[in-house]
Structures are given as C-alpha cells and as structure tokens.
Amino acid sequence: MKNYSQQKTQRSHTQKSRRSQTGKHPRSRRPGLYYKRGRGERSQSLSFNAPEIWHPPTEADHFTFIEYPAGEHYVHPVTKDEVLSRIRELPSEFVADLDVIQFSRMTRKRALFPCYGMQWGNTVYLYPIEASLEEVYRRAPLPQQRIETEMYGGRWEQCGSEWILSWTEEAIRDFYLNNILIHEIGHINDHRNTREEDRERYANWFAIEYGFRASRGRVKIQGVTAP
C-alpha cells in the first residue's frame, strides 16, 4: 500500500493490457443491472455491500491517496496524477472536506456487485475495471444508464442474451475522471439531502455540471437542472 499527500490549497496506469483472442482476460458477467454505483454513505442495505476500509474524518489540511493493486485481470483506468490534476480543476471549496481517495482492489465479492466508485464519509473509493475494457451484462441497460455511458464514449452491443459494454482507454479515463470521481465528490458536498433518492439526484447533477459540462466547455444538456 502506498500513501501520498497533497496540500488542500493546491487541490482547487492506464495499462494497455487487453484480452487476447485466446481469452487471456476472462470477462466477468454482471448479475443484475449493468452496474451499481455507491450512493451516499455506505449501507448494508445497498446491493453493493462488499467489505470496505473505513477512513475516519481528519482535521488534516491535505488529502491522501491510498493505492491497492487492481487484482488479476483488472486495471485501474486512471492514475493518481490524473485524478490529482482533475481535482485541481475544481473550486477549492468542493474538496475542502475530502480526506482520502482510495484505489481499491477487486475481490471475488466485489465482482458479484460491480461498482465503479463509492463515497463513504469523506473518502472516495475508485474501483478497477476488466483489463479487456469489456464488461458483460445479463440484462439490457436501462435507457438512462445507456445514455450516461455513451455520453463518455462507451459502446453497447447485444450478443445473444448478453450485452457487452466496450470502452477505449481514452473513453474509460474520461468516464472515471469526469463522471465517477466528480459524482462521488458531489456526495461529499451534499450537506442538505438525507433521502437516498435525493442524494443521488444531487450527485448526478453535480457530475453533469462540474464533470461533463466543465470538461466540454459548458455543453448544454436538455432536462438537467439543479436539484
């Protein structure tokens, strides 16, 4: 485990391994909807309840990076430096309460309830993705879920009874830096809402406003308003 610190005042590997034709990197199959993303503080009632490390809030004037290996057949689609660079583009008040960014390891239980990212307390957890950059699902994605991934370059294809979501290295990096990361930071900044649905609505808006739009020069999106 490696530990890194950066001053909050300054806060403002993608690997090329791909699945070979012989199936060197097997693709996991999503058991339910196409993904589960952490919502608010971690709860045992959520579908995703694989054990995670709790980092208590601190009074330190910096946040910390904690990195674990992605796990066999998985990769972390973004690096510490890429995350730090993206965070520095945010207004400083948005990261004032951020204490830890953890690159988590893929485990057998987490693979059953896949998750790109999660917020728990003042920590943001980022999870690995298949090294093949292909995700296989047993059910068709919901319209909104398909729109969200396609906004960042994900490509869906139906193969028999399964659906495959394919990414390029550039697209999955964009998805993590301008959606997943910003979404979870949005949860940390939501000091008003308590209902799960309201917290998720706020984080979705935050990711669009300060992730997607900000990274694309304030692109207009119909039907997106502040919660």
Protein backbone atom coordinates (compact mmCIF):
# COMPACT_ATOMS: atom_id res chain seq x y z
CA MET A 1 0.00 0.00 0.00
CA LYS A 2 1.34 3.43 -0.93
CA ASN A 3 0.36 6.64 0.81
CA TYR A 4 0.53 10.09 -0.82
CA SER A 5 -0.39 13.56 0.45
CA GLN A 6 -1.13 16.82 -1.34
CA GLN A 7 -1.94 20.22 0.17
CA LYS A 8 -5.62 21.11 0.01
CA THR A 9 -4.68 24.59 -1.07
CA GLN A 10 -3.43 23.11 -4.32
CA ARG A 11 -6.41 20.81 -4.84
CA SER A 12 -8.66 23.55 -6.36
CA HIS A 13 -1.78 3.37 -15.26
CA THR A 14 -3.92 3.14 -17.65
CA GLN A 15 -2.48 -0.26 -18.59
CA LYS A 16 -2.50 -1.39 -22.21
CA SER A 17 -3.23 -5.00 -21.36
CA ARG A 18 -6.16 -6.19 -23.48
CA ARG A 19 -7.94 -9.51 -23.67
CA SER A 20 -6.24 -11.75 -26.21
CA GLN A 21 -8.03 -13.81 -28.81
CA THR A 22 -7.47 -16.84 -26.60
CA GLY A 23 -9.40 -15.23 -23.76
CA LYS A 24 -6.41 -14.41 -21.54
CA HIS A 25 -8.53 -11.93 -19.57
CA PRO A 26 -11.95 -13.50 -18.89
CA ARG A 27 -14.88 -11.11 -18.80
CA SER A 28 -16.98 -11.14 -15.66
CA ARG A 29 -20.75 -11.23 -16.05
CA ARG A 30 -22.83 -8.65 -14.23
CA PRO A 31 -25.53 -10.44 -12.22
CA GLY A 32 -28.13 -7.69 -12.34
CA LEU A 33 -28.39 -4.19 -13.73
CA TYR A 34 -25.39 -3.05 -15.62
CA TYR A 35 -23.66 -1.50 -12.64
CA LYS A 36 -24.09 -0.42 -9.07
CA ARG A 37 -22.63 2.90 -8.03
CA GLY A 38 -22.22 3.87 -4.39
CA ARG A 39 -24.90 6.23 -3.11
CA GLY A 40 -24.17 8.39 -0.13
CA GLU A 41 -22.64 6.77 2.91
CA ARG A 42 -22.10 3.05 2.64
CA SER A 43 -25.04 1.00 3.90
CA GLN A 44 -25.50 -2.70 4.36
CA SER A 45 -28.91 -2.29 2.72
CA LEU A 46 -27.30 -1.47 -0.61
CA SER A 47 -26.86 -4.19 -3.16
CA PHE A 48 -23.14 -3.43 -3.10
CA ASN A 49 -22.01 -4.45 0.38
CA ALA A 50 -18.57 -6.00 -0.11
CA PRO A 51 -16.36 -5.10 2.87
CA GLU A 52 -14.53 -1.81 2.52
CA ILE A 53 -11.99 0.06 4.64
CA TRP A 54 -13.39 2.91 6.70
CA HIS A 55 -11.22 6.04 6.94
CA PRO A 56 -12.42 8.32 9.74
CA PRO A 57 -12.57 12.07 9.10
CA THR A 58 -9.45 14.03 9.96
CA GLU A 59 -8.57 17.65 10.62
CA ALA A 60 -5.52 17.48 8.33
CA ASP A 61 -5.05 20.20 5.74
CA HIS A 62 -4.40 17.68 3.00
CA PHE A 63 -6.00 14.66 1.44
CA THR A 64 -4.35 11.31 0.96
CA PHE A 65 -4.11 8.77 -1.83
CA ILE A 66 -4.17 5.09 -0.93
CA GLU A 67 -3.48 2.63 -3.75
CA TYR A 68 -4.04 -1.11 -3.86
CA PRO A 69 -3.27 -3.36 -6.83
CA ALA A 70 -6.28 -3.74 -9.10
CA GLY A 71 -6.25 -7.53 -8.98
CA GLU A 72 -5.74 -10.24 -11.58
CA HIS A 73 -7.43 -9.46 -14.91
CA TYR A 74 -8.34 -5.92 -13.75
CA VAL A 75 -6.80 -2.47 -14.13
CA HIS A 76 -7.22 0.94 -12.58
CA PRO A 77 -8.29 3.07 -15.56
CA VAL A 78 -6.87 6.30 -14.11
CA THR A 79 -3.67 7.18 -12.28
CA LYS A 80 -3.09 9.15 -9.12
CA ASP A 81 -1.60 12.01 -11.12
CA GLU A 82 -4.61 12.13 -13.46
CA VAL A 83 -7.01 12.23 -10.53
CA LEU A 84 -4.97 14.92 -8.79
CA SER A 85 -4.84 17.02 -11.95
CA ARG A 86 -8.63 16.76 -12.35
CA ILE A 87 -9.27 17.64 -8.73
CA ARG A 88 -7.15 20.77 -9.05
CA GLU A 89 -9.58 22.00 -11.71
CA LEU A 90 -12.44 22.04 -9.19
CA PRO A 91 -13.22 25.05 -6.99
CA SER A 92 -11.22 24.63 -3.78
CA GLU A 93 -14.35 24.59 -1.59
CA PHE A 94 -15.53 21.39 -3.28
CA VAL A 95 -12.55 19.42 -1.98
CA ALA A 96 -12.24 21.05 1.43
CA ASP A 97 -13.82 18.03 3.16
CA LEU A 98 -12.14 15.36 1.03
CA ASP A 99 -9.76 13.27 3.17
CA VAL A 100 -8.91 10.12 1.20
CA ILE A 101 -9.05 8.85 -2.38
CA GLN A 102 -8.60 5.10 -2.40
CA PHE A 103 -7.87 2.94 -5.43
CA SER A 104 -9.46 -0.29 -4.23
CA ARG A 105 -8.65 -3.88 -5.11
CA MET A 106 -11.12 -6.08 -6.98
CA THR A 107 -12.19 -9.04 -4.87
CA ARG A 108 -14.44 -12.01 -5.56
CA LYS A 109 -17.32 -10.46 -3.62
CA ARG A 110 -16.96 -7.06 -5.25
CA ALA A 111 -17.04 -8.74 -8.65
CA LEU A 112 -20.53 -10.02 -7.80
CA PHE A 113 -21.78 -6.48 -7.15
CA PRO A 114 -19.69 -4.39 -9.55
CA CYS A 115 -19.18 -0.75 -8.77
CA TYR A 116 -17.13 1.96 -10.43
CA GLY A 117 -16.93 4.26 -7.43
CA MET A 118 -18.32 4.90 -3.98
CA GLN A 119 -18.36 7.63 -1.33
CA TRP A 120 -18.26 6.74 2.35
CA GLY A 121 -17.79 9.58 4.80
CA ASN A 122 -15.04 11.85 3.47
CA THR A 123 -13.49 9.12 1.33
CA VAL A 124 -13.89 8.45 -2.38
CA TYR A 125 -13.26 4.85 -3.49
CA LEU A 126 -12.43 4.13 -7.15
CA TYR A 127 -12.75 0.52 -8.32
CA PRO A 128 -10.94 -1.37 -11.09
CA ILE A 129 -12.40 -2.43 -14.41
CA GLU A 130 -11.73 -5.51 -16.52
CA ALA A 131 -8.34 -5.34 -18.25
CA SER A 132 -10.10 -6.20 -21.51
CA LEU A 133 -12.12 -2.97 -21.14
CA GLU A 134 -15.19 -5.07 -21.93
CA GLU A 135 -18.00 -5.63 -19.45
CA VAL A 136 -20.59 -8.35 -19.97
CA TYR A 137 -24.11 -7.99 -18.57
CA ARG A 138 -27.01 -10.42 -18.33
CA ARG A 139 -29.67 -7.74 -18.78
CA ALA A 140 -30.12 -4.82 -21.13
CA PRO A 141 -29.13 -1.45 -19.69
CA LEU A 142 -31.82 0.96 -18.66
CA PRO A 143 -32.20 3.92 -21.07
CA GLN A 144 -30.65 6.43 -18.68
CA GLN A 145 -27.76 4.12 -17.88
CA ARG A 146 -27.04 3.62 -21.56
CA ILE A 147 -27.19 7.35 -22.23
CA GLU A 148 -24.76 8.06 -19.40
CA THR A 149 -22.10 5.62 -20.57
CA GLU A 150 -22.48 6.61 -24.22
CA MET A 151 -22.01 10.26 -23.26
CA TYR A 152 -18.43 9.32 -22.39
CA GLY A 153 -17.77 7.00 -25.32
CA GLY A 154 -18.93 3.62 -24.04
CA ARG A 155 -20.33 1.33 -26.76
CA TRP A 156 -23.08 -1.23 -26.20
CA GLU A 157 -23.59 -4.37 -28.27
CA GLN A 158 -26.08 -7.19 -27.79
CA CYS A 159 -24.67 -10.68 -28.17
CA GLY A 160 -27.42 -13.23 -27.82
CA SER A 161 -28.88 -12.93 -24.33
CA GLU A 162 -25.97 -10.81 -23.10
CA TRP A 163 -24.94 -7.18 -23.51
CA ILE A 164 -21.33 -6.06 -23.86
CA LEU A 165 -20.17 -2.59 -22.88
CA SER A 166 -16.85 -1.76 -24.55
CA TRP A 167 -14.51 1.10 -23.75
CA THR A 168 -11.40 2.58 -25.25
CA GLU A 169 -8.64 3.64 -22.85
CA GLU A 170 -9.45 7.29 -23.55
CA ALA A 171 -13.19 6.82 -23.03
CA ILE A 172 -12.94 4.94 -19.72
CA ARG A 173 -10.44 7.51 -18.44
CA ASP A 174 -12.89 10.29 -19.34
CA PHE A 175 -15.75 8.38 -17.68
CA TYR A 176 -13.85 8.00 -14.41
CA LEU A 177 -12.36 11.50 -14.25
CA ASN A 178 -15.41 13.48 -15.38
CA ASN A 179 -18.24 11.31 -14.09
CA ILE A 180 -17.39 8.77 -11.39
CA LEU A 181 -14.87 10.89 -9.49
CA ILE A 182 -16.96 14.07 -9.67
CA HIS A 183 -20.17 12.18 -8.77
CA GLU A 184 -18.65 10.86 -5.55
CA ILE A 185 -17.17 14.24 -4.64
CA GLY A 186 -20.67 15.59 -5.18
CA HIS A 187 -21.93 13.27 -2.44
CA ILE A 188 -19.34 14.70 -0.03
CA ASN A 189 -20.61 18.20 -0.81
CA ASP A 190 -24.27 17.33 -0.29
CA HIS A 191 -24.93 18.66 3.20
CA ARG A 192 -28.67 19.06 2.75
CA ASN A 193 -30.27 15.88 1.47
CA THR A 194 -30.82 12.76 3.57
CA ARG A 195 -33.04 10.60 1.38
CA GLU A 196 -31.10 8.24 -0.87
CA GLU A 197 -33.02 9.31 -3.98
CA ASP A 198 -32.38 13.00 -3.30
CA ARG A 199 -28.69 12.44 -2.62
CA GLU A 200 -28.31 10.50 -5.85
CA ARG A 201 -30.16 13.18 -7.81
CA TYR A 202 -27.83 15.83 -6.39
CA ALA A 203 -24.68 13.82 -7.16
CA ASN A 204 -25.88 13.18 -10.72
CA TRP A 205 -26.46 16.89 -11.22
CA PHE A 206 -23.06 17.69 -9.67
CA ALA A 207 -21.32 15.27 -12.06
CA ILE A 208 -23.04 16.81 -15.09
CA GLU A 209 -22.38 20.39 -14.01
CA TYR A 210 -18.79 20.09 -12.77
CA GLY A 211 -17.72 16.99 -14.67
CA PHE A 212 -19.28 16.62 -18.11
CA ARG A 213 -20.12 20.25 -18.85
CA ALA A 214 -16.97 21.66 -17.30
CA SER A 215 -14.76 19.29 -19.28
CA ARG A 216 -16.52 20.14 -22.55
CA GLY A 217 -16.90 23.88 -22.34
CA ARG A 218 -20.36 24.08 -20.73
CA VAL A 219 -22.20 21.79 -23.13
CA LYS A 220 -25.95 22.28 -22.89
CA ILE A 221 -27.94 19.20 -21.85
CA GLN A 222 -31.70 19.25 -22.09
CA GLY A 223 -33.65 18.50 -18.93
CA VAL A 224 -30.77 18.85 -16.46
CA THR A 225 -31.48 21.35 -13.69
CA ALA A 226 -30.10 21.96 -10.24
CA PRO A 227 -31.84 19.80 -7.59
